[in-house]
PDB file of N, CA and C in Angstrom:
ATOM      1  N   MET A   1      49.096  90.919 127.033  1.00  0.00           N
ATOM      2  CA  MET A   1      47.943  91.370 126.225  1.00  0.00           C
ATOM      3  C   MET A   1      49.142  91.522 124.915  1.00  0.00           C
ATOM      4  N   PRO A   2      49.011  90.947 123.533  1.00  0.00           N
ATOM      5  CA  PRO A   2      49.477  91.292 122.335  1.00  0.00           C
ATOM      6  C   PRO A   2      49.620  92.826 121.952  1.00  0.00           C
ATOM      7  N   THR A   3      51.101  92.896 121.301  1.00  0.00           N
ATOM      8  CA  THR A   3      51.189  94.268 121.122  1.00  0.00           C
ATOM      9  C   THR A   3      49.957  94.465 120.005  1.00  0.00           C
ATOM     10  N   THR A   4      50.163  95.743 119.590  1.00  0.00           N
ATOM     11  CA  THR A   4      48.852  96.161 118.392  1.00  0.00           C
ATOM     12  C   THR A   4      49.440  97.347 117.423  1.00  0.00           C
ATOM     13  N   LYS A   5      49.617  96.865 116.094  1.00  0.00           N
ATOM     14  CA  LYS A   5      50.067  97.593 115.118  1.00  0.00           C
ATOM     15  C   LYS A   5      49.469  98.827 115.113  1.00  0.00           C
ATOM     16  N   PRO A   6      50.516  99.765 114.799  1.00  0.00           N
ATOM     17  CA  PRO A   6      49.847 101.382 114.652  1.00  0.00           C
ATOM     18  C   PRO A   6      48.654 101.210 113.560  1.00  0.00           C
ATOM     19  N   SER A   7      48.765 100.162 112.111  1.00  0.00           N
ATOM     20  CA  SER A   7      47.921 100.689 111.315  1.00  0.00           C
ATOM     21  C   SER A   7      46.494  99.920 112.114  1.00  0.00           C
ATOM     22  N   GLU A   8      46.521  98.937 112.970  1.00  0.00           N
ATOM     23  CA  GLU A   8      45.241  98.876 113.651  1.00  0.00           C
ATOM     24  C   GLU A   8      44.691  99.465 114.662  1.00  0.00           C
ATOM     25  N   LEU A   9      45.335 100.464 115.385  1.00  0.00           N
ATOM     26  CA  LEU A   9      44.909 101.143 116.136  1.00  0.00           C
ATOM     27  C   LEU A   9      44.569 102.385 115.366  1.00  0.00           C
ATOM     28  N   ARG A  10      45.103 102.753 114.401  1.00  0.00           N
ATOM     29  CA  ARG A  10      44.522 103.983 113.833  1.00  0.00           C
ATOM     30  C   ARG A  10      42.874 103.632 113.479  1.00  0.00           C
ATOM     31  N   LYS A  11      42.444 102.837 113.098  1.00  0.00           N
ATOM     32  CA  LYS A  11      40.940 102.491 112.861  1.00  0.00           C
ATOM     33  C   LYS A  11      39.982 102.272 113.634  1.00  0.00           C
ATOM     34  N   LEU A  12      40.855 102.451 115.433  1.00  0.00           N
ATOM     35  CA  LEU A  12      40.184 102.373 116.343  1.00  0.00           C
ATOM     36  C   LEU A  12      39.307 103.892 116.960  1.00  0.00           C
ATOM     37  N   PRO A  13      38.241 104.295 117.299  1.00  0.00           N
ATOM     38  CA  PRO A  13      37.589 105.792 117.763  1.00  0.00           C
ATOM     39  C   PRO A  13      38.404 106.146 118.739  1.00  0.00           C
ATOM     40  N   VAL A  14      38.501 107.598 119.101  1.00  0.00           N
ATOM     41  CA  VAL A  14      39.914 108.110 119.981  1.00  0.00           C
ATOM     42  C   VAL A  14      39.254 107.676 121.504  1.00  0.00           C
ATOM     43  N   SER A  15      38.109 107.327 121.612  1.00  0.00           N
ATOM     44  CA  SER A  15      37.489 106.614 122.618  1.00  0.00           C
ATOM     45  C   SER A  15      37.934 105.416 123.258  1.00  0.00           C
ATOM     46  N   GLU A  16      38.059 104.546 122.225  1.00  0.00           N
ATOM     47  CA  GLU A  16      38.239 103.611 122.471  1.00  0.00           C
ATOM     48  C   GLU A  16      40.157 103.875 122.871  1.00  0.00           C
ATOM     49  N   LEU A  17      40.890 104.772 122.223  1.00  0.00           N
ATOM     50  CA  LEU A  17      42.618 104.553 122.137  1.00  0.00           C
ATOM     51  C   LEU A  17      42.548 104.951 123.874  1.00  0.00           C
ATOM     52  N   GLN A  18      41.481 105.970 124.049  1.00  0.00           N
ATOM     53  CA  GLN A  18      41.906 106.384 125.622  1.00  0.00           C
ATOM     54  C   GLN A  18      41.705 105.120 126.484  1.00  0.00           C
ATOM     55  N   LYS A  19      40.240 104.718 126.340  1.00  0.00           N
ATOM     56  CA  LYS A  19      40.776 103.241 127.370  1.00  0.00           C
ATOM     57  C   LYS A  19      41.477 102.293 127.248  1.00  0.00           C
ATOM     58  N   ARG A  20      41.912 102.310 125.922  1.00  0.00           N
ATOM     59  CA  ARG A  20      43.550 101.391 125.928  1.00  0.00           C
ATOM     60  C   ARG A  20      44.559 101.756 126.767  1.00  0.00           C
ATOM     61  N   ILE A  21      44.693 103.202 126.747  1.00  0.00           N
ATOM     62  CA  ILE A  21      45.654 103.506 127.194  1.00  0.00           C
ATOM     63  C   ILE A  21      45.775 103.806 128.612  1.00  0.00           C
ATOM     64  N   GLN A  22      44.196 104.155 129.256  1.00  0.00           N
ATOM     65  CA  GLN A  22      44.278 104.282 130.472  1.00  0.00           C
ATOM     66  C   GLN A  22      44.412 102.369 130.984  1.00  0.00           C
ATOM     67  N   ASP A  23      44.028 101.378 130.020  1.00  0.00           N
ATOM     68  CA  ASP A  23      44.002 100.316 130.732  1.00  0.00           C
ATOM     69  C   ASP A  23      45.709  99.663 130.728  1.00  0.00           C
ATOM     70  N   THR A  24      46.379 100.289 129.988  1.00  0.00           N
ATOM     71  CA  THR A  24      47.367  99.616 129.990  1.00  0.00           C
ATOM     72  C   THR A  24      48.254 100.464 130.908  1.00  0.00           C
ATOM     73  N   LYS A  25      48.208 101.462 131.031  1.00  0.00           N
ATOM     74  CA  LYS A  25      49.083 102.239 132.482  1.00  0.00           C
ATOM     75  C   LYS A  25      48.637 101.313 133.632  1.00  0.00           C
ATOM     76  N   LYS A  26      47.118 101.550 133.920  1.00  0.00           N
ATOM     77  CA  LYS A  26      46.889 100.530 135.125  1.00  0.00           C
ATOM     78  C   LYS A  26      47.509  99.120 135.347  1.00  0.00           C
ATOM     79  N   GLU A  27      48.021  98.533 134.001  1.00  0.00           N
ATOM     80  CA  GLU A  27      48.778  97.464 134.042  1.00  0.00           C
ATOM     81  C   GLU A  27      50.095  97.423 133.906  1.00  0.00           C
ATOM     82  N   LEU A  28      50.648  98.734 133.538  1.00  0.00           N
ATOM     83  CA  LEU A  28      51.963  99.271 134.061  1.00  0.00           C
ATOM     84  C   LEU A  28      52.540  99.461 135.275  1.00  0.00           C
ATOM     85  N   MET A  29      51.575 100.079 136.083  1.00  0.00           N
ATOM     86  CA  MET A  29      51.586 100.431 137.598  1.00  0.00           C
ATOM     87  C   MET A  29      51.606  98.901 138.394  1.00  0.00           C
ATOM     88  N   GLU A  30      50.421  98.124 137.693  1.00  0.00           N
ATOM     89  CA  GLU A  30      50.666  96.615 138.666  1.00  0.00           C
ATOM     90  C   GLU A  30      52.275  96.069 138.107  1.00  0.00           C
ATOM     91  N   LEU A  31      52.953  96.298 137.035  1.00  0.00           N
ATOM     92  CA  LEU A  31      53.752  95.530 136.627  1.00  0.00           C
ATOM     93  C   LEU A  31      55.021  96.497 137.678  1.00  0.00           C
ATOM     94  N   ARG A  32      54.917  97.444 138.063  1.00  0.00           N
ATOM     95  CA  ARG A  32      56.004  97.865 138.649  1.00  0.00           C
ATOM     96  C   ARG A  32      55.957  97.560 139.922  1.00  0.00           C
ATOM     97  N   PHE A  33      55.000  97.361 140.606  1.00  0.00           N
ATOM     98  CA  PHE A  33      54.586  97.030 142.187  1.00  0.00           C
ATOM     99  C   PHE A  33      55.067  95.902 142.129  1.00  0.00           C
ATOM    100  N   GLN A  34      54.636  95.185 141.389  1.00  0.00           N
ATOM    101  CA  GLN A  34      55.623  93.306 141.168  1.00  0.00           C
ATOM    102  C   GLN A  34      56.646  93.343 141.366  1.00  0.00           C
ATOM    103  N   SER A  35      57.155  93.960 140.720  1.00  0.00           N
ATOM    104  CA  SER A  35      59.032  94.550 140.110  1.00  0.00           C
ATOM    105  C   SER A  35      59.310  95.149 141.539  1.00  0.00           C
ATOM    106  N   SER A  36      58.858  95.913 142.098  1.00  0.00           N
ATOM    107  CA  SER A  36      59.464  96.263 143.274  1.00  0.00           C
ATOM    108  C   SER A  36      59.264  95.044 144.761  1.00  0.00           C
ATOM    109  N   ILE A  37      58.253  94.137 144.723  1.00  0.00           N
ATOM    110  CA  ILE A  37      58.509  93.500 145.605  1.00  0.00           C
ATOM    111  C   ILE A  37      59.270  91.752 145.138  1.00  0.00           C
ATOM    112  N   GLY A  38      59.717  92.155 143.925  1.00  0.00           N
ATOM    113  CA  GLY A  38      60.086  90.992 143.365  1.00  0.00           C
ATOM    114  C   GLY A  38      59.240  89.714 143.010  1.00  0.00           C
ATOM    115  N   GLN A  39      57.863  89.716 142.592  1.00  0.00           N
ATOM    116  CA  GLN A  39      57.313  89.039 142.279  1.00  0.00           C
ATOM    117  C   GLN A  39      57.319  88.968 140.524  1.00  0.00           C
ATOM    118  N   LEU A  40      57.747  90.034 140.297  1.00  0.00           N
ATOM    119  CA  LEU A  40      57.819  90.048 138.414  1.00  0.00           C
ATOM    120  C   LEU A  40      58.349  89.115 137.625  1.00  0.00           C
ATOM    121  N   ASP A  41      57.373  88.170 136.774  1.00  0.00           N
ATOM    122  CA  ASP A  41      58.498  87.101 136.439  1.00  0.00           C
ATOM    123  C   ASP A  41      58.909  87.606 134.756  1.00  0.00           C
ATOM    124  N   LYS A  42      58.157  87.963 134.132  1.00  0.00           N
ATOM    125  CA  LYS A  42      58.636  88.546 132.733  1.00  0.00           C
ATOM    126  C   LYS A  42      59.006  90.045 133.177  1.00  0.00           C
ATOM    127  N   ASN A  43      60.201  89.805 133.092  1.00  0.00           N
ATOM    128  CA  ASN A  43      60.856  91.522 133.496  1.00  0.00           C
ATOM    129  C   ASN A  43      60.304  92.511 131.663  1.00  0.00           C
ATOM    130  N   HIS A  44      59.999  92.023 130.761  1.00  0.00           N
ATOM    131  CA  HIS A  44      59.958  92.255 129.528  1.00  0.00           C
ATOM    132  C   HIS A  44      58.618  92.913 129.575  1.00  0.00           C
ATOM    133  N   ARG A  45      57.961  92.285 130.066  1.00  0.00           N
ATOM    134  CA  ARG A  45      56.616  92.785 130.085  1.00  0.00           C
ATOM    135  C   ARG A  45      56.446  94.656 130.034  1.00  0.00           C
ATOM    136  N   MET A  46      57.254  95.035 131.019  1.00  0.00           N
ATOM    137  CA  MET A  46      57.069  96.628 131.379  1.00  0.00           C
ATOM    138  C   MET A  46      57.366  97.350 130.459  1.00  0.00           C
ATOM    139  N   ALA A  47      59.002  96.959 129.622  1.00  0.00           N
ATOM    140  CA  ALA A  47      59.159  97.570 128.374  1.00  0.00           C
ATOM    141  C   ALA A  47      58.099  97.824 127.327  1.00  0.00           C
ATOM    142  N   GLN A  48      57.682  96.571 127.276  1.00  0.00           N
ATOM    143  CA  GLN A  48      56.478  96.393 126.289  1.00  0.00           C
ATOM    144  C   GLN A  48      55.212  97.168 126.736  1.00  0.00           C
ATOM    145  N   ALA A  49      54.838  97.167 127.710  1.00  0.00           N
ATOM    146  CA  ALA A  49      53.770  98.250 128.095  1.00  0.00           C
ATOM    147  C   ALA A  49      54.008  99.855 127.974  1.00  0.00           C
ATOM    148  N   ARG A  50      55.227  99.821 127.987  1.00  0.00           N
ATOM    149  CA  ARG A  50      55.628 101.353 127.962  1.00  0.00           C
ATOM    150  C   ARG A  50      55.301 101.501 126.365  1.00  0.00           C
ATOM    151  N   ARG A  51      55.799 101.136 125.799  1.00  0.00           N
ATOM    152  CA  ARG A  51      55.982 100.915 124.345  1.00  0.00           C
ATOM    153  C   ARG A  51      54.864 101.216 123.926  1.00  0.00           C
ATOM    154  N   GLU A  52      53.501 100.132 124.228  1.00  0.00           N
ATOM    155  CA  GLU A  52      52.509 100.090 123.819  1.00  0.00           C
ATOM    156  C   GLU A  52      51.675 101.593 124.301  1.00  0.00           C
ATOM    157  N   ILE A  53      51.757 102.095 125.508  1.00  0.00           N
ATOM    158  CA  ILE A  53      51.338 103.225 125.653  1.00  0.00           C
ATOM    159  C   ILE A  53      51.705 104.429 124.840  1.00  0.00           C
ATOM    160  N   ALA A  54      53.015 104.095 124.663  1.00  0.00           N
ATOM    161  CA  ALA A  54      53.738 105.779 123.441  1.00  0.00           C
ATOM    162  C   ALA A  54      53.129 105.178 121.981  1.00  0.00           C
ATOM    163  N   ARG A  55      53.045 103.956 121.528  1.00  0.00           N
ATOM    164  CA  ARG A  55      52.321 103.631 120.303  1.00  0.00           C
ATOM    165  C   ARG A  55      50.918 104.338 119.892  1.00  0.00           C
ATOM    166  N   MET A  56      50.182 104.108 121.220  1.00  0.00           N
ATOM    167  CA  MET A  56      49.196 104.786 121.599  1.00  0.00           C
ATOM    168  C   MET A  56      48.630 105.997 121.758  1.00  0.00           C
ATOM    169  N   MET A  57      49.759 106.847 122.401  1.00  0.00           N
ATOM    170  CA  MET A  57      49.439 108.121 122.554  1.00  0.00           C
ATOM    171  C   MET A  57      50.232 108.754 121.065  1.00  0.00           C
ATOM    172  N   THR A  58      51.057 108.071 120.385  1.00  0.00           N
ATOM    173  CA  THR A  58      51.244 108.643 118.991  1.00  0.00           C
ATOM    174  C   THR A  58      50.236 108.900 118.384  1.00  0.00           C
ATOM    175  N   VAL A  59      49.421 107.811 117.581  1.00  0.00           N
ATOM    176  CA  VAL A  59      48.302 107.616 117.383  1.00  0.00           C
ATOM    177  C   VAL A  59      47.186 108.715 117.677  1.00  0.00           C
ATOM    178  N   LEU A  60      47.040 108.681 119.218  1.00  0.00           N
ATOM    179  CA  LEU A  60      46.365 109.759 119.500  1.00  0.00           C
ATOM    180  C   LEU A  60      46.605 110.880 119.158  1.00  0.00           C
ATOM    181  N   GLY A  61      47.585 111.246 119.047  1.00  0.00           N
ATOM    182  CA  GLY A  61      48.138 112.891 118.677  1.00  0.00           C
ATOM    183  C   GLY A  61      48.033 113.266 117.210  1.00  0.00           C
ATOM    184  N   GLU A  62      48.272 111.628 116.556  1.00  0.00           N
ATOM    185  CA  GLU A  62      48.088 112.253 115.128  1.00  0.00           C
ATOM    186  C   GLU A  62      46.693 112.478 114.845  1.00  0.00           C
ATOM    187  N   LYS A  63      45.630 111.976 115.205  1.00  0.00           N
ATOM    188  CA  LYS A  63      44.321 111.768 115.591  1.00  0.00           C
ATOM    189  C   LYS A  63      44.006 113.378 115.930  1.00  0.00           C
ATOM    190  N   ALA A  64      44.293 113.729 116.959  1.00  0.00           N
ATOM    191  CA  ALA A  64      43.908 115.277 117.189  1.00  0.00           C
ATOM    192  C   ALA A  64      44.727 116.493 116.325  1.00  0.00           C
ATOM    193  N   LYS A  65      45.853 116.246 115.744  1.00  0.00           N
ATOM    194  CA  LYS A  65      46.300 117.028 114.616  1.00  0.00           C
ATOM    195  C   LYS A  65      45.887 116.938 113.301  1.00  0.00           C
ATOM    196  N   GLY A  66      45.108 115.902 113.045  1.00  0.00           N
ATOM    197  CA  GLY A  66      43.963 115.373 111.999  1.00  0.00           C
ATOM    198  C   GLY A  66      45.392 114.752 110.496  1.00  0.00           C
ATOM    199  N   ILE A  67      46.307 114.426 111.322  1.00  0.00           N
ATOM    200  CA  ILE A  67      47.332 113.950 110.138  1.00  0.00           C
ATOM    201  C   ILE A  67      46.822 112.118 109.676  1.00  0.00           C
ATOM    202  N   GLU A  68      46.802 112.183 108.106  1.00  0.00           N
ATOM    203  CA  GLU A  68      46.512 110.765 107.710  1.00  0.00           C
ATOM    204  C   GLU A  68      47.932 110.545 107.594  1.00  0.00           C
ATOM    205  N   VAL A  69      48.356 109.467 108.243  1.00  0.00           N
ATOM    206  CA  VAL A  69      49.277 108.317 107.348  1.00  0.00           C
ATOM    207  C   VAL A  69      48.936 107.306 106.500  1.00  0.00           C
ATOM    208  N   VAL A  70      49.563 107.208 105.136  1.00  0.00           N
ATOM    209  CA  VAL A  70      49.275 106.237 104.660  1.00  0.00           C
ATOM    210  C   VAL A  70      50.729 105.345 104.526  1.00  0.00           C
ATOM    211  N   SER A  71      50.287 104.109 104.653  1.00  0.00           N
ATOM    212  CA  SER A  71      50.947 103.101 104.930  1.00  0.00           C
ATOM    213  C   SER A  71      52.180 102.778 103.468  1.00  0.00           C
ATOM    214  N   GLN A  72      53.359 102.342 104.006  1.00  0.00           N
ATOM    215  CA  GLN A  72      53.940 101.980 102.660  1.00  0.00           C
ATOM    216  C   GLN A  72      53.562 101.193 101.528  1.00  0.00           C
ATOM    217  N   ALA A  73      52.618 100.247 101.678  1.00  0.00           N
ATOM    218  CA  ALA A  73      52.114  99.709 100.772  1.00  0.00           C
ATOM    219  C   ALA A  73      51.336 100.470  99.959  1.00  0.00           C
ATOM    220  N   GLN A  74      50.724 101.041 100.820  1.00  0.00           N
ATOM    221  CA  GLN A  74      49.801 102.457  99.445  1.00  0.00           C
ATOM    222  C   GLN A  74      50.347 103.398  98.984  1.00  0.00           C
ATOM    223  N   ALA A  75      51.821 103.881  99.860  1.00  0.00           N
ATOM    224  CA  ALA A  75      52.141 104.754  98.872  1.00  0.00           C
ATOM    225  C   ALA A  75      53.086 104.587  97.922  1.00  0.00           C
ATOM    226  N   ARG A  76      53.329 103.079  97.315  1.00  0.00           N
ATOM    227  CA  ARG A  76      54.278 102.757  96.499  1.00  0.00           C
ATOM    228  C   ARG A  76      53.386 102.664  95.297  1.00  0.00           C
ATOM    229  N   PRO A  77      54.262 103.326  94.306  1.00  0.00           N
ATOM    230  CA  PRO A  77      53.566 103.283  92.723  1.00  0.00           C
ATOM    231  C   PRO A  77      53.816 101.877  92.340  1.00  0.00           C
ATOM    232  N   ALA A  78      52.618 101.389  91.368  1.00  0.00           N
ATOM    233  CA  ALA A  78      52.006 100.349  90.608  1.00  0.00           C
ATOM    234  C   ALA A  78      53.207  99.901  89.971  1.00  0.00           C
ATOM    235  N   SER A  79      54.017 100.387  89.743  1.00  0.00           N
ATOM    236  CA  SER A  79      55.357  99.794  88.874  1.00  0.00           C
ATOM    237  C   SER A  79      56.410  99.986  89.484  1.00  0.00           C
ATOM    238  N   LYS A  80      57.430  99.934  89.462  1.00  0.00           N
ATOM    239  CA  LYS A  80      58.882  99.839  90.213  1.00  0.00           C
ATOM    240  C   LYS A  80      59.386 100.345  89.363  1.00  0.00           C
ATOM    241  N   ALA A  81      60.579 101.303  89.974  1.00  0.00           N
ATOM    242  CA  ALA A  81      61.721 101.705  89.107  1.00  0.00           C
ATOM    243  C   ALA A  81      62.468 100.934  89.033  1.00  0.00           C
ATOM    244  N   VAL A  82      63.521 101.448  87.941  1.00  0.00           N
ATOM    245  CA  VAL A  82      63.952 100.777  87.323  1.00  0.00           C
ATOM    246  C   VAL A  82      65.772 101.105  88.012  1.00  0.00           C
ATOM    247  N   LYS A  83      66.109 100.435  89.041  1.00  0.00           N
ATOM    248  CA  LYS A  83      67.893 100.852  89.007  1.00  0.00           C
ATOM    249  C   LYS A  83      68.717 100.603  88.366  1.00  0.00           C
ATOM    250  N   LYS A  84      69.789 101.669  88.645  1.00  0.00           N
ATOM    251  CA  LYS A  84      70.947 101.655  87.352  1.00  0.00           C
ATOM    252  C   LYS A  84      71.723 100.298  87.769  1.00  0.00           C
ATOM    253  N   PRO A  85      72.367  99.899  86.938  1.00  0.00           N
ATOM    254  CA  PRO A  85      73.216  99.092  87.229  1.00  0.00           C
ATOM    255  C   PRO A  85      74.922  99.208  87.659  1.00  0.00           C
ATOM    256  N   ARG A  86      74.856  98.630  88.850  1.00  0.00           N
ATOM    257  CA  ARG A  86      76.261  98.846  89.717  1.00  0.00           C
ATOM    258  C   ARG A  86      77.430  98.903  88.363  1.00  0.00           C
ATOM    259  N   ALA A  87      78.697  99.339  88.545  1.00  0.00           N
ATOM    260  CA  ALA A  87      79.964  99.347  88.056  1.00  0.00           C
ATOM    261  C   ALA A  87      80.632  98.198  88.551  1.00  0.00           C
ATOM    262  N   LYS A  88      81.135  97.189  88.334  1.00  0.00           N
ATOM    263  CA  LYS A  88      82.095  96.441  88.403  1.00  0.00           C
ATOM    264  C   LYS A  88      83.261  97.109  89.304  1.00  0.00           C
ATOM    265  N   LYS A  89      83.501  96.193  90.541  1.00  0.00           N
ATOM    266  CA  LYS A  89      85.164  96.646  90.906  1.00  0.00           C
ATOM    267  C   LYS A  89      86.082  96.032  90.371  1.00  0.00           C
ATOM    268  N   ALA A  90      86.796  96.808  89.927  1.00  0.00           N
ATOM    269  CA  ALA A  90      88.134  95.873  89.480  1.00  0.00           C
ATOM    270  C   ALA A  90      88.922  95.030  90.425  1.00  0.00           C
TER     271      ALA A  90
END
């Protein structure tokens, strides 16, 4: 299962997020079992699953608190700020 971006997760309803969390937790349990008996080929998959669960739980918490996150692309103003030139080192 490829990782999902937080912006994509924020578009999902709460029920879908909860279902995905439950499915990923089941997958993590299976991965732990495979690891314990020495059949796990892709060890990195356990860390990915934990991160996915954390990412989804964070978005779920944001929704519960009513927090609306603005992406960086939306937060930037239309005009770019002018930077001061750096002083040259001697």
